[in-house]
Amino acid sequence: MASLDEELLMDEQENKREITFIREHLPADLKEQYSDEQLLFIIDAIGTYFYTSGILESNSEEVDIDMEAVSDFVCNEAKEEGEGPFDPQEVFFVVEADLDFQEQNA
C-alpha cells in the first residue's frame, strides 16, 4: 500500500500528464489561455459535475454527456469560487480534451 506522500506524488504526476494532454489538444489560440492552476480548477470542477449529476451512477455502457452543460457548470463554479469568469465556449474545448484523456487512460 502506498503511503500518503507516494499517493500525493502520483496524483501530482497524473495532474501534470493531464494538463500536458489538454494543452496539446486545445486549439492553438487557447493553448496558453489558462494557467496550470486554472486547468486544475477546471479538471476538479468537471469531476464535481460528474459526481453531482448522477452520470457515474448510470448502469448503461453508453452515457450521453452534454459537454455544453459540463462547460456551463464549470463556468458557474469558477464564478462562484472567484476563479473566473471563463467563457463556456472556450471551456468546452478543455472539457472535450479532459474527456478524451479520461477515455484513453481508463
PDB file of N, CA and C in Angstrom:
ATOM      1  N   MET A   1       0.842  -1.178   0.000  1.00  0.00           N
ATOM      2  CA  MET A   1       0.000   0.000   0.000  1.00  0.00           C
ATOM      3  C   MET A   1       0.887   1.241   0.000  1.00  0.00           C
ATOM      4  N   ALA A   2       0.554   2.187  -0.850  1.00  0.00           N
ATOM      5  CA  ALA A   2       1.346   3.405  -0.981  1.00  0.00           C
ATOM      6  C   ALA A   2       1.085   4.328   0.203  1.00  0.00           C
ATOM      7  N   SER A   3       2.142   5.019   0.614  1.00  0.00           N
ATOM      8  CA  SER A   3       1.996   5.989   1.689  1.00  0.00           C
ATOM      9  C   SER A   3       1.263   7.217   1.156  1.00  0.00           C
ATOM     10  N   LEU A   4       0.841   8.061   2.065  1.00  0.00           N
ATOM     11  CA  LEU A   4       0.138   9.281   1.675  1.00  0.00           C
ATOM     12  C   LEU A   4       1.024  10.142   0.779  1.00  0.00           C
ATOM     13  N   ASP A   5       2.300  10.253   1.126  1.00  0.00           N
ATOM     14  CA  ASP A   5       3.226  11.041   0.306  1.00  0.00           C
ATOM     15  C   ASP A   5       3.358  10.461  -1.096  1.00  0.00           C
ATOM     16  N   GLU A   6       3.413   9.144  -1.202  1.00  0.00           N
ATOM     17  CA  GLU A   6       3.504   8.495  -2.506  1.00  0.00           C
ATOM     18  C   GLU A   6       2.240   8.719  -3.316  1.00  0.00           C
ATOM     19  N   GLU A   7       1.090   8.646  -2.668  1.00  0.00           N
ATOM     20  CA  GLU A   7      -0.177   8.883  -3.364  1.00  0.00           C
ATOM     21  C   GLU A   7      -0.276  10.325  -3.843  1.00  0.00           C
ATOM     22  N   LEU A   8       0.132  11.273  -3.018  1.00  0.00           N
ATOM     23  CA  LEU A   8       0.118  12.679  -3.416  1.00  0.00           C
ATOM     24  C   LEU A   8       1.045  12.918  -4.602  1.00  0.00           C
ATOM     25  N   LEU A   9       2.208  12.286  -4.591  1.00  0.00           N
ATOM     26  CA  LEU A   9       3.156  12.414  -5.698  1.00  0.00           C
ATOM     27  C   LEU A   9       2.564  11.820  -6.972  1.00  0.00           C
ATOM     28  N   MET A  10       1.903  10.661  -6.855  1.00  0.00           N
ATOM     29  CA  MET A  10       1.277  10.045  -8.027  1.00  0.00           C
ATOM     30  C   MET A  10       0.155  10.929  -8.561  1.00  0.00           C
ATOM     31  N   ASP A  11      -0.633  11.523  -7.670  1.00  0.00           N
ATOM     32  CA  ASP A  11      -1.701  12.440  -8.101  1.00  0.00           C
ATOM     33  C   ASP A  11      -1.111  13.652  -8.821  1.00  0.00           C
ATOM     34  N   GLU A  12      -0.035  14.196  -8.272  1.00  0.00           N
ATOM     35  CA  GLU A  12       0.606  15.354  -8.893  1.00  0.00           C
ATOM     36  C   GLU A  12       1.132  15.008 -10.288  1.00  0.00           C
ATOM     37  N   GLN A  13       1.742  13.849 -10.424  1.00  0.00           N
ATOM     38  CA  GLN A  13       2.255  13.409 -11.728  1.00  0.00           C
ATOM     39  C   GLN A  13       1.106  13.191 -12.715  1.00  0.00           C
ATOM     40  N   GLU A  14       0.009  12.617 -12.256  1.00  0.00           N
ATOM     41  CA  GLU A  14      -1.161  12.399 -13.112  1.00  0.00           C
ATOM     42  C   GLU A  14      -1.738  13.742 -13.559  1.00  0.00           C
ATOM     43  N   ASN A  15      -1.819  14.698 -12.643  1.00  0.00           N
ATOM     44  CA  ASN A  15      -2.310  16.031 -12.993  1.00  0.00           C
ATOM     45  C   ASN A  15      -1.432  16.683 -14.056  1.00  0.00           C
ATOM     46  N   LYS A  16      -0.125  16.536 -13.930  1.00  0.00           N
ATOM     47  CA  LYS A  16       0.798  17.110 -14.920  1.00  0.00           C
ATOM     48  C   LYS A  16       0.595  16.464 -16.286  1.00  0.00           C
ATOM     49  N   ARG A  17       0.431  15.142 -16.314  1.00  0.00           N
ATOM     50  CA  ARG A  17       0.168  14.443 -17.578  1.00  0.00           C
ATOM     51  C   ARG A  17      -1.139  14.917 -18.199  1.00  0.00           C
ATOM     52  N   GLU A  18      -2.151  15.078 -17.357  1.00  0.00           N
ATOM     53  CA  GLU A  18      -3.453  15.508 -17.855  1.00  0.00           C
ATOM     54  C   GLU A  18      -3.394  16.934 -18.396  1.00  0.00           C
ATOM     55  N   ILE A  19      -2.721  17.821 -17.698  1.00  0.00           N
ATOM     56  CA  ILE A  19      -2.579  19.205 -18.163  1.00  0.00           C
ATOM     57  C   ILE A  19      -1.825  19.244 -19.482  1.00  0.00           C
ATOM     58  N   THR A  20      -0.766  18.475 -19.586  1.00  0.00           N
ATOM     59  CA  THR A  20       0.006  18.414 -20.832  1.00  0.00           C
ATOM     60  C   THR A  20      -0.876  17.918 -21.969  1.00  0.00           C
ATOM     61  N   PHE A  21      -1.636  16.863 -21.722  1.00  0.00           N
ATOM     62  CA  PHE A  21      -2.538  16.313 -22.731  1.00  0.00           C
ATOM     63  C   PHE A  21      -3.560  17.361 -23.166  1.00  0.00           C
ATOM     64  N   ILE A  22      -4.171  18.015 -22.200  1.00  0.00           N
ATOM     65  CA  ILE A  22      -5.187  19.017 -22.522  1.00  0.00           C
ATOM     66  C   ILE A  22      -4.589  20.122 -23.369  1.00  0.00           C
ATOM     67  N   ARG A  23      -3.434  20.641 -22.960  1.00  0.00           N
ATOM     68  CA  ARG A  23      -2.790  21.715 -23.733  1.00  0.00           C
ATOM     69  C   ARG A  23      -2.501  21.268 -25.171  1.00  0.00           C
ATOM     70  N   GLU A  24      -2.075  20.024 -25.337  1.00  0.00           N
ATOM     71  CA  GLU A  24      -1.759  19.504 -26.679  1.00  0.00           C
ATOM     72  C   GLU A  24      -3.002  19.403 -27.555  1.00  0.00           C
ATOM     73  N   HIS A  25      -4.172  19.271 -26.940  1.00  0.00           N
ATOM     74  CA  HIS A  25      -5.402  19.054 -27.694  1.00  0.00           C
ATOM     75  C   HIS A  25      -6.294  20.288 -27.799  1.00  0.00           C
ATOM     76  N   LEU A  26      -5.858  21.393 -27.237  1.00  0.00           N
ATOM     77  CA  LEU A  26      -6.624  22.630 -27.364  1.00  0.00           C
ATOM     78  C   LEU A  26      -6.306  23.314 -28.683  1.00  0.00           C
ATOM     79  N   PRO A  27      -7.250  24.081 -29.214  1.00  0.00           N
ATOM     80  CA  PRO A  27      -6.942  24.893 -30.394  1.00  0.00           C
ATOM     81  C   PRO A  27      -5.773  25.834 -30.082  1.00  0.00           C
ATOM     82  N   ALA A  28      -5.014  26.178 -31.092  1.00  0.00           N
ATOM     83  CA  ALA A  28      -3.794  26.969 -30.915  1.00  0.00           C
ATOM     84  C   ALA A  28      -4.032  28.240 -30.107  1.00  0.00           C
ATOM     85  N   ASP A  29      -5.145  28.925 -30.358  1.00  0.00           N
ATOM     86  CA  ASP A  29      -5.392  30.187 -29.666  1.00  0.00           C
ATOM     87  C   ASP A  29      -5.755  30.009 -28.190  1.00  0.00           C
ATOM     88  N   LEU A  30      -5.993  28.769 -27.747  1.00  0.00           N
ATOM     89  CA  LEU A  30      -6.340  28.525 -26.344  1.00  0.00           C
ATOM     90  C   LEU A  30      -5.233  27.825 -25.562  1.00  0.00           C
ATOM     91  N   LYS A  31      -4.174  27.398 -26.230  1.00  0.00           N
ATOM     92  CA  LYS A  31      -3.130  26.609 -25.563  1.00  0.00           C
ATOM     93  C   LYS A  31      -2.544  27.302 -24.342  1.00  0.00           C
ATOM     94  N   GLU A  32      -2.386  28.613 -24.395  1.00  0.00           N
ATOM     95  CA  GLU A  32      -1.820  29.347 -23.267  1.00  0.00           C
ATOM     96  C   GLU A  32      -2.847  30.213 -22.556  1.00  0.00           C
ATOM     97  N   GLN A  33      -4.110  29.996 -22.851  1.00  0.00           N
ATOM     98  CA  GLN A  33      -5.195  30.791 -22.275  1.00  0.00           C
ATOM     99  C   GLN A  33      -5.297  30.603 -20.764  1.00  0.00           C
ATOM    100  N   TYR A  34      -5.055  29.387 -20.302  1.00  0.00           N
ATOM    101  CA  TYR A  34      -5.254  29.050 -18.902  1.00  0.00           C
ATOM    102  C   TYR A  34      -3.942  28.659 -18.240  1.00  0.00           C
ATOM    103  N   SER A  35      -3.784  29.100 -16.987  1.00  0.00           N
ATOM    104  CA  SER A  35      -2.623  28.676 -16.198  1.00  0.00           C
ATOM    105  C   SER A  35      -2.830  27.218 -15.780  1.00  0.00           C
ATOM    106  N   ASP A  36      -1.775  26.585 -15.300  1.00  0.00           N
ATOM    107  CA  ASP A  36      -1.906  25.216 -14.789  1.00  0.00           C
ATOM    108  C   ASP A  36      -2.918  25.170 -13.645  1.00  0.00           C
ATOM    109  N   GLU A  37      -2.904  26.192 -12.789  1.00  0.00           N
ATOM    110  CA  GLU A  37      -3.836  26.224 -11.659  1.00  0.00           C
ATOM    111  C   GLU A  37      -5.278  26.332 -12.149  1.00  0.00           C
ATOM    112  N   GLN A  38      -5.502  27.136 -13.188  1.00  0.00           N
ATOM    113  CA  GLN A  38      -6.858  27.245 -13.733  1.00  0.00           C
ATOM    114  C   GLN A  38      -7.296  25.927 -14.364  1.00  0.00           C
ATOM    115  N   LEU A  39      -6.381  25.262 -15.065  1.00  0.00           N
ATOM    116  CA  LEU A  39      -6.737  23.961 -15.649  1.00  0.00           C
ATOM    117  C   LEU A  39      -7.044  22.946 -14.557  1.00  0.00           C
ATOM    118  N   LEU A  40      -6.277  22.963 -13.463  1.00  0.00           N
ATOM    119  CA  LEU A  40      -6.579  22.058 -12.352  1.00  0.00           C
ATOM    120  C   LEU A  40      -7.955  22.371 -11.762  1.00  0.00           C
ATOM    121  N   PHE A  41      -8.287  23.645 -11.646  1.00  0.00           N
ATOM    122  CA  PHE A  41      -9.615  24.022 -11.163  1.00  0.00           C
ATOM    123  C   PHE A  41     -10.691  23.458 -12.094  1.00  0.00           C
ATOM    124  N   ILE A  42     -10.489  23.623 -13.403  1.00  0.00           N
ATOM    125  CA  ILE A  42     -11.460  23.136 -14.386  1.00  0.00           C
ATOM    126  C   ILE A  42     -11.583  21.613 -14.301  1.00  0.00           C
ATOM    127  N   ILE A  43     -10.461  20.921 -14.210  1.00  0.00           N
ATOM    128  CA  ILE A  43     -10.471  19.460 -14.092  1.00  0.00           C
ATOM    129  C   ILE A  43     -11.262  19.036 -12.853  1.00  0.00           C
ATOM    130  N   ASP A  44     -11.014  19.707 -11.734  1.00  0.00           N
ATOM    131  CA  ASP A  44     -11.737  19.388 -10.498  1.00  0.00           C
ATOM    132  C   ASP A  44     -13.227  19.685 -10.633  1.00  0.00           C
ATOM    133  N   ALA A  45     -13.559  20.800 -11.282  1.00  0.00           N
ATOM    134  CA  ALA A  45     -14.970  21.159 -11.471  1.00  0.00           C
ATOM    135  C   ALA A  45     -15.673  20.141 -12.377  1.00  0.00           C
ATOM    136  N   ILE A  46     -14.959  19.654 -13.384  1.00  0.00           N
ATOM    137  CA  ILE A  46     -15.530  18.607 -14.243  1.00  0.00           C
ATOM    138  C   ILE A  46     -15.837  17.369 -13.409  1.00  0.00           C
ATOM    139  N   GLY A  47     -14.894  16.992 -12.550  1.00  0.00           N
ATOM    140  CA  GLY A  47     -15.113  15.851 -11.659  1.00  0.00           C
ATOM    141  C   GLY A  47     -16.310  16.067 -10.751  1.00  0.00           C
ATOM    142  N   THR A  48     -16.427  17.268 -10.210  1.00  0.00           N
ATOM    143  CA  THR A  48     -17.566  17.599  -9.358  1.00  0.00           C
ATOM    144  C   THR A  48     -18.872  17.456 -10.126  1.00  0.00           C
ATOM    145  N   TYR A  49     -18.872  17.922 -11.371  1.00  0.00           N
ATOM    146  CA  TYR A  49     -20.077  17.790 -12.196  1.00  0.00           C
ATOM    147  C   TYR A  49     -20.491  16.322 -12.305  1.00  0.00           C
ATOM    148  N   PHE A  50     -19.535  15.455 -12.604  1.00  0.00           N
ATOM    149  CA  PHE A  50     -19.877  14.051 -12.781  1.00  0.00           C
ATOM    150  C   PHE A  50     -20.341  13.405 -11.485  1.00  0.00           C
ATOM    151  N   TYR A  51     -19.743  13.784 -10.361  1.00  0.00           N
ATOM    152  CA  TYR A  51     -20.161  13.214  -9.080  1.00  0.00           C
ATOM    153  C   TYR A  51     -21.530  13.701  -8.656  1.00  0.00           C
ATOM    154  N   THR A  52     -21.880  14.949  -8.993  1.00  0.00           N
ATOM    155  CA  THR A  52     -23.151  15.506  -8.541  1.00  0.00           C
ATOM    156  C   THR A  52     -24.292  15.319  -9.534  1.00  0.00           C
ATOM    157  N   SER A  53     -23.965  15.002 -10.783  1.00  0.00           N
ATOM    158  CA  SER A  53     -25.004  14.905 -11.813  1.00  0.00           C
ATOM    159  C   SER A  53     -25.694  13.545 -11.860  1.00  0.00           C
ATOM    160  N   GLY A  54     -25.104  12.546 -11.248  1.00  0.00           N
ATOM    161  CA  GLY A  54     -25.673  11.207 -11.292  1.00  0.00           C
ATOM    162  C   GLY A  54     -25.198  10.377 -12.474  1.00  0.00           C
ATOM    163  N   ILE A  55     -24.399  10.959 -13.349  1.00  0.00           N
ATOM    164  CA  ILE A  55     -23.908  10.238 -14.534  1.00  0.00           C
ATOM    165  C   ILE A  55     -23.116   9.000 -14.124  1.00  0.00           C
ATOM    166  N   LEU A  56     -22.331   9.106 -13.067  1.00  0.00           N
ATOM    167  CA  LEU A  56     -21.490   7.981 -12.648  1.00  0.00           C
ATOM    168  C   LEU A  56     -22.296   6.812 -12.104  1.00  0.00           C
ATOM    169  N   GLU A  57     -23.548   7.067 -11.761  1.00  0.00           N
ATOM    170  CA  GLU A  57     -24.400   6.020 -11.214  1.00  0.00           C
ATOM    171  C   GLU A  57     -25.174   5.260 -12.281  1.00  0.00           C
ATOM    172  N   SER A  58     -25.006   5.657 -13.532  1.00  0.00           N
ATOM    173  CA  SER A  58     -25.720   5.014 -14.622  1.00  0.00           C
ATOM    174  C   SER A  58     -25.207   3.592 -14.825  1.00  0.00           C
ATOM    175  N   ASN A  59     -26.131   2.684 -15.097  1.00  0.00           N
ATOM    176  CA  ASN A  59     -25.772   1.298 -15.377  1.00  0.00           C
ATOM    177  C   ASN A  59     -25.547   1.057 -16.864  1.00  0.00           C
ATOM    178  N   SER A  60     -25.833   2.045 -17.663  1.00  0.00           N
ATOM    179  CA  SER A  60     -25.696   1.931 -19.108  1.00  0.00           C
ATOM    180  C   SER A  60     -24.222   1.980 -19.509  1.00  0.00           C
ATOM    181  N   GLU A  61     -23.870   1.187 -20.526  1.00  0.00           N
ATOM    182  CA  GLU A  61     -22.495   1.219 -21.024  1.00  0.00           C
ATOM    183  C   GLU A  61     -22.224   2.495 -21.804  1.00  0.00           C
ATOM    184  N   GLU A  62     -23.228   3.022 -22.463  1.00  0.00           N
ATOM    185  CA  GLU A  62     -23.112   4.269 -23.222  1.00  0.00           C
ATOM    186  C   GLU A  62     -23.840   5.371 -22.464  1.00  0.00           C
ATOM    187  N   VAL A  63     -23.108   6.400 -22.099  1.00  0.00           N
ATOM    188  CA  VAL A  63     -23.691   7.531 -21.393  1.00  0.00           C
ATOM    189  C   VAL A  63     -23.547   8.756 -22.278  1.00  0.00           C
ATOM    190  N   ASP A  64     -24.640   9.449 -22.481  1.00  0.00           N
ATOM    191  CA  ASP A  64     -24.630  10.668 -23.283  1.00  0.00           C
ATOM    192  C   ASP A  64     -24.241  11.835 -22.373  1.00  0.00           C
ATOM    193  N   ILE A  65     -23.095  12.441 -22.652  1.00  0.00           N
ATOM    194  CA  ILE A  65     -22.608  13.555 -21.850  1.00  0.00           C
ATOM    195  C   ILE A  65     -22.850  14.850 -22.615  1.00  0.00           C
ATOM    196  N   ASP A  66     -23.566  15.741 -22.003  1.00  0.00           N
ATOM    197  CA  ASP A  66     -23.836  17.053 -22.587  1.00  0.00           C
ATOM    198  C   ASP A  66     -22.660  17.960 -22.219  1.00  0.00           C
ATOM    199  N   MET A  67     -21.703  18.076 -23.138  1.00  0.00           N
ATOM    200  CA  MET A  67     -20.487  18.829 -22.842  1.00  0.00           C
ATOM    201  C   MET A  67     -20.766  20.313 -22.661  1.00  0.00           C
ATOM    202  N   GLU A  68     -21.819  20.816 -23.278  1.00  0.00           N
ATOM    203  CA  GLU A  68     -22.190  22.216 -23.046  1.00  0.00           C
ATOM    204  C   GLU A  68     -22.666  22.407 -21.610  1.00  0.00           C
ATOM    205  N   ALA A  69     -23.414  21.448 -21.095  1.00  0.00           N
ATOM    206  CA  ALA A  69     -23.870  21.522 -19.703  1.00  0.00           C
ATOM    207  C   ALA A  69     -22.679  21.454 -18.747  1.00  0.00           C
ATOM    208  N   VAL A  70     -21.708  20.598 -19.065  1.00  0.00           N
ATOM    209  CA  VAL A  70     -20.497  20.499 -18.241  1.00  0.00           C
ATOM    210  C   VAL A  70     -19.753  21.834 -18.274  1.00  0.00           C
ATOM    211  N   SER A  71     -19.603  22.399 -19.458  1.00  0.00           N
ATOM    212  CA  SER A  71     -18.906  23.683 -19.604  1.00  0.00           C
ATOM    213  C   SER A  71     -19.607  24.782 -18.816  1.00  0.00           C
ATOM    214  N   ASP A  72     -20.925  24.830 -18.909  1.00  0.00           N
ATOM    215  CA  ASP A  72     -21.691  25.828 -18.158  1.00  0.00           C
ATOM    216  C   ASP A  72     -21.513  25.642 -16.652  1.00  0.00           C
ATOM    217  N   PHE A  73     -21.532  24.387 -16.204  1.00  0.00           N
ATOM    218  CA  PHE A  73     -21.330  24.090 -14.785  1.00  0.00           C
ATOM    219  C   PHE A  73     -19.967  24.578 -14.329  1.00  0.00           C
ATOM    220  N   VAL A  74     -18.928  24.283 -15.117  1.00  0.00           N
ATOM    221  CA  VAL A  74     -17.565  24.696 -14.774  1.00  0.00           C
ATOM    222  C   VAL A  74     -17.492  26.219 -14.667  1.00  0.00           C
ATOM    223  N   CYS A  75     -18.084  26.911 -15.618  1.00  0.00           N
ATOM    224  CA  CYS A  75     -18.056  28.377 -15.612  1.00  0.00           C
ATOM    225  C   CYS A  75     -18.802  28.946 -14.413  1.00  0.00           C
ATOM    226  N   ASN A  76     -19.913  28.340 -14.051  1.00  0.00           N
ATOM    227  CA  ASN A  76     -20.654  28.783 -12.865  1.00  0.00           C
ATOM    228  C   ASN A  76     -19.855  28.541 -11.597  1.00  0.00           C
ATOM    229  N   GLU A  77     -19.204  27.384 -11.503  1.00  0.00           N
ATOM    230  CA  GLU A  77     -18.354  27.083 -10.350  1.00  0.00           C
ATOM    231  C   GLU A  77     -17.205  28.089 -10.257  1.00  0.00           C
ATOM    232  N   ALA A  78     -16.596  28.400 -11.403  1.00  0.00           N
ATOM    233  CA  ALA A  78     -15.484  29.350 -11.428  1.00  0.00           C
ATOM    234  C   ALA A  78     -15.935  30.722 -10.954  1.00  0.00           C
ATOM    235  N   LYS A  79     -17.088  31.125 -11.390  1.00  0.00           N
ATOM    236  CA  LYS A  79     -17.629  32.430 -10.987  1.00  0.00           C
ATOM    237  C   LYS A  79     -17.891  32.457  -9.481  1.00  0.00           C
ATOM    238  N   GLU A  80     -18.510  31.387  -8.975  1.00  0.00           N
ATOM    239  CA  GLU A  80     -18.822  31.306  -7.543  1.00  0.00           C
ATOM    240  C   GLU A  80     -17.558  31.282  -6.683  1.00  0.00           C
ATOM    241  N   GLU A  81     -16.510  30.636  -7.189  1.00  0.00           N
ATOM    242  CA  GLU A  81     -15.271  30.485  -6.427  1.00  0.00           C
ATOM    243  C   GLU A  81     -14.272  31.618  -6.676  1.00  0.00           C
ATOM    244  N   GLY A  82     -14.657  32.572  -7.531  1.00  0.00           N
ATOM    245  CA  GLY A  82     -13.758  33.683  -7.828  1.00  0.00           C
ATOM    246  C   GLY A  82     -12.611  33.304  -8.749  1.00  0.00           C
ATOM    247  N   GLU A  83     -12.777  32.231  -9.488  1.00  0.00           N
ATOM    248  CA  GLU A  83     -11.740  31.761 -10.418  1.00  0.00           C
ATOM    249  C   GLU A  83     -11.966  32.275 -11.831  1.00  0.00           C
ATOM    250  N   GLY A  84     -13.142  32.736 -12.121  1.00  0.00           N
ATOM    251  CA  GLY A  84     -13.494  33.138 -13.477  1.00  0.00           C
ATOM    252  C   GLY A  84     -13.459  34.625 -13.634  1.00  0.00           C
ATOM    253  N   PRO A  85     -14.117  35.123 -14.607  1.00  0.00           N
ATOM    254  CA  PRO A  85     -15.050  34.376 -15.446  1.00  0.00           C
ATOM    255  C   PRO A  85     -14.338  33.639 -16.577  1.00  0.00           C
ATOM    256  N   PHE A  86     -14.897  32.504 -16.915  1.00  0.00           N
ATOM    257  CA  PHE A  86     -14.432  31.730 -18.060  1.00  0.00           C
ATOM    258  C   PHE A  86     -15.523  31.772 -19.121  1.00  0.00           C
ATOM    259  N   ASP A  87     -15.108  31.642 -20.358  1.00  0.00           N
ATOM    260  CA  ASP A  87     -16.033  31.602 -21.490  1.00  0.00           C
ATOM    261  C   ASP A  87     -16.450  30.149 -21.715  1.00  0.00           C
ATOM    262  N   PRO A  88     -17.752  29.834 -21.609  1.00  0.00           N
ATOM    263  CA  PRO A  88     -18.201  28.451 -21.789  1.00  0.00           C
ATOM    264  C   PRO A  88     -17.797  27.848 -23.138  1.00  0.00           C
ATOM    265  N   GLN A  89     -17.738  28.673 -24.177  1.00  0.00           N
ATOM    266  CA  GLN A  89     -17.350  28.159 -25.494  1.00  0.00           C
ATOM    267  C   GLN A  89     -15.879  27.757 -25.516  1.00  0.00           C
ATOM    268  N   GLU A  90     -15.046  28.420 -24.733  1.00  0.00           N
ATOM    269  CA  GLU A  90     -13.636  28.054 -24.640  1.00  0.00           C
ATOM    270  C   GLU A  90     -13.446  26.870 -23.698  1.00  0.00           C
ATOM    271  N   VAL A  91     -14.172  26.880 -22.585  1.00  0.00           N
ATOM    272  CA  VAL A  91     -14.075  25.782 -21.618  1.00  0.00           C
ATOM    273  C   VAL A  91     -14.542  24.477 -22.254  1.00  0.00           C
ATOM    274  N   PHE A  92     -15.454  24.562 -23.200  1.00  0.00           N
ATOM    275  CA  PHE A  92     -15.936  23.379 -23.923  1.00  0.00           C
ATOM    276  C   PHE A  92     -14.755  22.562 -24.460  1.00  0.00           C
ATOM    277  N   PHE A  93     -13.736  23.234 -25.006  1.00  0.00           N
ATOM    278  CA  PHE A  93     -12.580  22.538 -25.565  1.00  0.00           C
ATOM    279  C   PHE A  93     -11.754  21.858 -24.471  1.00  0.00           C
ATOM    280  N   VAL A  94     -11.700  22.469 -23.296  1.00  0.00           N
ATOM    281  CA  VAL A  94     -10.999  21.850 -22.169  1.00  0.00           C
ATOM    282  C   VAL A  94     -11.768  20.614 -21.714  1.00  0.00           C
ATOM    283  N   VAL A  95     -13.080  20.727 -21.635  1.00  0.00           N
ATOM    284  CA  VAL A  95     -13.919  19.582 -21.249  1.00  0.00           C
ATOM    285  C   VAL A  95     -13.728  18.443 -22.240  1.00  0.00           C
ATOM    286  N   GLU A  96     -13.757  18.762 -23.509  1.00  0.00           N
ATOM    287  CA  GLU A  96     -13.579  17.749 -24.555  1.00  0.00           C
ATOM    288  C   GLU A  96     -12.222  17.059 -24.415  1.00  0.00           C
ATOM    289  N   ALA A  97     -11.160  17.838 -24.205  1.00  0.00           N
ATOM    290  CA  ALA A  97      -9.818  17.263 -24.058  1.00  0.00           C
ATOM    291  C   ALA A  97      -9.732  16.427 -22.784  1.00  0.00           C
ATOM    292  N   ASP A  98     -10.346  16.891 -21.702  1.00  0.00           N
ATOM    293  CA  ASP A  98     -10.328  16.138 -20.450  1.00  0.00           C
ATOM    294  C   ASP A  98     -11.036  14.796 -20.622  1.00  0.00           C
ATOM    295  N   LEU A  99     -12.183  14.801 -21.288  1.00  0.00           N
ATOM    296  CA  LEU A  99     -12.901  13.541 -21.515  1.00  0.00           C
ATOM    297  C   LEU A  99     -12.084  12.594 -22.390  1.00  0.00           C
ATOM    298  N   ASP A 100     -11.395  13.135 -23.393  1.00  0.00           N
ATOM    299  CA  ASP A 100     -10.520  12.307 -24.227  1.00  0.00           C
ATOM    300  C   ASP A 100      -9.403  11.696 -23.387  1.00  0.00           C
ATOM    301  N   PHE A 101      -8.821  12.493 -22.504  1.00  0.00           N
ATOM    302  CA  PHE A 101      -7.765  11.994 -21.628  1.00  0.00           C
ATOM    303  C   PHE A 101      -8.299  10.864 -20.745  1.00  0.00           C
ATOM    304  N   GLN A 102      -9.464  11.072 -20.148  1.00  0.00           N
ATOM    305  CA  GLN A 102     -10.054  10.059 -19.267  1.00  0.00           C
ATOM    306  C   GLN A 102     -10.345   8.774 -20.042  1.00  0.00           C
ATOM    307  N   GLU A 103     -10.834   8.931 -21.257  1.00  0.00           N
ATOM    308  CA  GLU A 103     -11.164   7.768 -22.081  1.00  0.00           C
ATOM    309  C   GLU A 103      -9.905   6.967 -22.433  1.00  0.00           C
ATOM    310  N   GLN A 104      -8.828   7.659 -22.753  1.00  0.00           N
ATOM    311  CA  GLN A 104      -7.579   6.990 -23.129  1.00  0.00           C
ATOM    312  C   GLN A 104      -6.885   6.348 -21.949  1.00  0.00           C
ATOM    313  N   ASN A 105      -7.170   6.832 -20.745  1.00  0.00           N
ATOM    314  CA  ASN A 105      -6.490   6.338 -19.553  1.00  0.00           C
ATOM    315  C   ASN A 105      -7.390   5.507 -18.651  1.00  0.00           C
ATOM    316  N   ALA A 106      -8.508   5.069 -19.211  1.00  0.00           N
ATOM    317  CA  ALA A 106      -9.442   4.259 -18.400  1.00  0.00           C
ATOM    318  C   ALA A 106      -8.984   2.839 -18.293  1.00  0.00           C
TER     319      ALA A 106
END
